């Protein structure tokens, strides 16, 4: 079930961030991404605490990304990292380029 949940969220042309809503790095990353000019549907914050399979979801995220921590951010089918990785990409001006390439920005 955890694998199906995660895989259903990771899609081409979409940005998904797996979060625990109360975690500071998750909130920081949400605020950061929310400031970017996304089109209506391409950005999703997927809370992992709502369905009760937190450990299973984090185990599967670890298989995909090498870490169980959240946030875990995917652009399209590519894992790009967590909060600090995302901010670093933005500072290097790579993030907006990548988001434009998948058609996620207005």
Protein backbone atom coordinates (compact mmCIF):
# COMPACT_ATOMS: atom_id res chain seq x y z
CA UNK A 1 0.00 0.00 0.00
CA UNK A 2 2.84 2.43 0.81
CA UNK A 3 4.51 1.70 -2.51
CA UNK A 4 1.24 2.31 -4.38
CA UNK A 5 0.70 5.59 -2.51
CA UNK A 6 4.18 6.92 -3.30
CA UNK A 7 4.20 5.72 -6.91
CA UNK A 8 0.79 7.28 -7.58
CA UNK A 9 2.17 10.68 -6.60
CA UNK A 10 5.43 10.60 -8.61
CA UNK A 11 4.45 11.52 -12.17
CA UNK A 12 5.97 13.22 -15.22
CA UNK A 13 5.27 16.95 -15.34
CA UNK A 14 4.51 17.12 -11.63
CA UNK A 15 6.37 18.24 -8.51
CA UNK A 16 5.58 16.27 -5.38
CA UNK A 17 6.93 16.73 -1.91
CA UNK A 18 6.38 14.02 0.69
CA UNK A 19 5.94 15.68 4.07
CA UNK A 20 5.05 15.45 7.71
CA UNK A 21 3.10 18.71 8.06
CA UNK A 22 4.45 19.60 11.51
CA UNK A 23 8.14 19.14 10.71
CA UNK A 24 10.08 22.43 10.43
CA UNK A 25 12.01 21.49 7.26
CA UNK A 26 8.76 20.38 5.62
CA UNK A 27 7.07 23.69 6.48
CA UNK A 28 10.12 25.63 5.26
CA UNK A 29 10.17 23.73 1.97
CA UNK A 30 6.41 24.16 1.50
CA UNK A 31 6.74 27.91 2.03
CA UNK A 32 9.64 28.06 -0.41
CA UNK A 33 7.85 26.11 -3.15
CA UNK A 34 4.59 28.00 -2.58
CA UNK A 35 6.34 31.24 -3.57
CA UNK A 36 7.17 29.94 -7.05
CA UNK A 37 4.76 30.60 -9.95
CA UNK A 38 3.43 27.06 -10.38
CA UNK A 39 0.54 26.23 -12.65
CA UNK A 40 -2.53 24.95 -10.80
CA UNK A 41 -1.96 21.17 -10.72
CA UNK A 42 1.77 20.40 -10.99
CA UNK A 43 2.65 20.97 -7.30
CA UNK A 44 1.48 18.57 -4.59
CA UNK A 45 2.33 18.30 -0.92
CA UNK A 46 1.70 14.64 -0.05
CA UNK A 47 1.29 14.20 3.68
CA UNK A 48 2.50 10.81 4.86
CA UNK A 49 0.83 10.94 8.28
CA UNK A 50 -2.81 10.81 7.16
CA UNK A 51 -3.09 7.17 6.11
CA UNK A 52 -1.37 5.51 9.09
CA UNK A 53 1.44 3.82 7.10
CA UNK A 54 4.15 6.30 8.04
CA UNK A 55 6.92 3.76 8.64
CA UNK A 56 6.09 1.79 5.50
CA UNK A 57 6.04 4.97 3.41
CA UNK A 58 9.35 6.12 4.87
CA UNK A 59 10.85 2.67 4.28
CA UNK A 60 9.81 2.83 0.64
CA UNK A 61 11.10 6.40 0.28
CA UNK A 62 14.40 5.14 1.67
CA UNK A 63 14.51 2.46 -1.04
CA UNK A 64 13.92 5.13 -3.69
CA UNK A 65 16.09 7.93 -2.35
CA UNK A 66 18.54 6.52 0.20
CA UNK A 67 16.96 8.30 3.17
CA UNK A 68 13.79 8.04 5.25
CA UNK A 69 13.70 11.69 6.27
CA UNK A 70 11.18 14.18 4.97
CA UNK A 71 10.74 16.26 2.99
CA UNK A 72 11.53 14.17 -0.09
CA UNK A 73 11.03 16.21 -3.29
CA UNK A 74 10.54 14.76 -6.78
CA UNK A 75 10.39 16.72 -10.01
CA UNK A 76 8.71 14.47 -12.50
CA UNK A 77 10.14 11.00 -11.95
CA UNK A 78 13.44 12.34 -10.60
CA UNK A 79 14.25 12.59 -6.91
CA UNK A 80 16.00 15.90 -6.26
CA UNK A 81 16.44 15.94 -2.49
CA UNK A 82 15.15 17.66 0.58
CA UNK A 83 14.88 21.24 1.78
CA UNK A 84 18.56 22.18 1.62
CA UNK A 85 19.02 20.48 -1.76
CA UNK A 86 16.09 22.44 -3.17
CA UNK A 87 17.36 25.77 -1.85
CA UNK A 88 20.85 25.05 -3.22
CA UNK A 89 19.39 24.22 -6.65
CA UNK A 90 17.50 27.50 -6.58
CA UNK A 91 20.62 29.47 -5.64
CA UNK A 92 22.49 27.87 -8.56
CA UNK A 93 19.53 28.84 -10.79
CA UNK A 94 18.93 25.19 -11.68
CA UNK A 95 15.53 24.76 -10.05
CA UNK A 96 13.55 27.19 -12.19
CA UNK A 97 15.18 25.83 -15.34
CA UNK A 98 14.17 22.30 -14.42
CA UNK A 99 10.61 23.35 -13.51
CA UNK A 100 10.26 25.21 -16.82
CA UNK A 101 11.47 22.14 -18.73
CA UNK A 102 8.67 19.99 -17.32
CA UNK A 103 6.07 22.72 -17.86
CA UNK A 104 5.28 23.21 -14.17
CA UNK A 105 5.57 27.01 -14.10
CA UNK A 106 3.25 29.67 -15.45
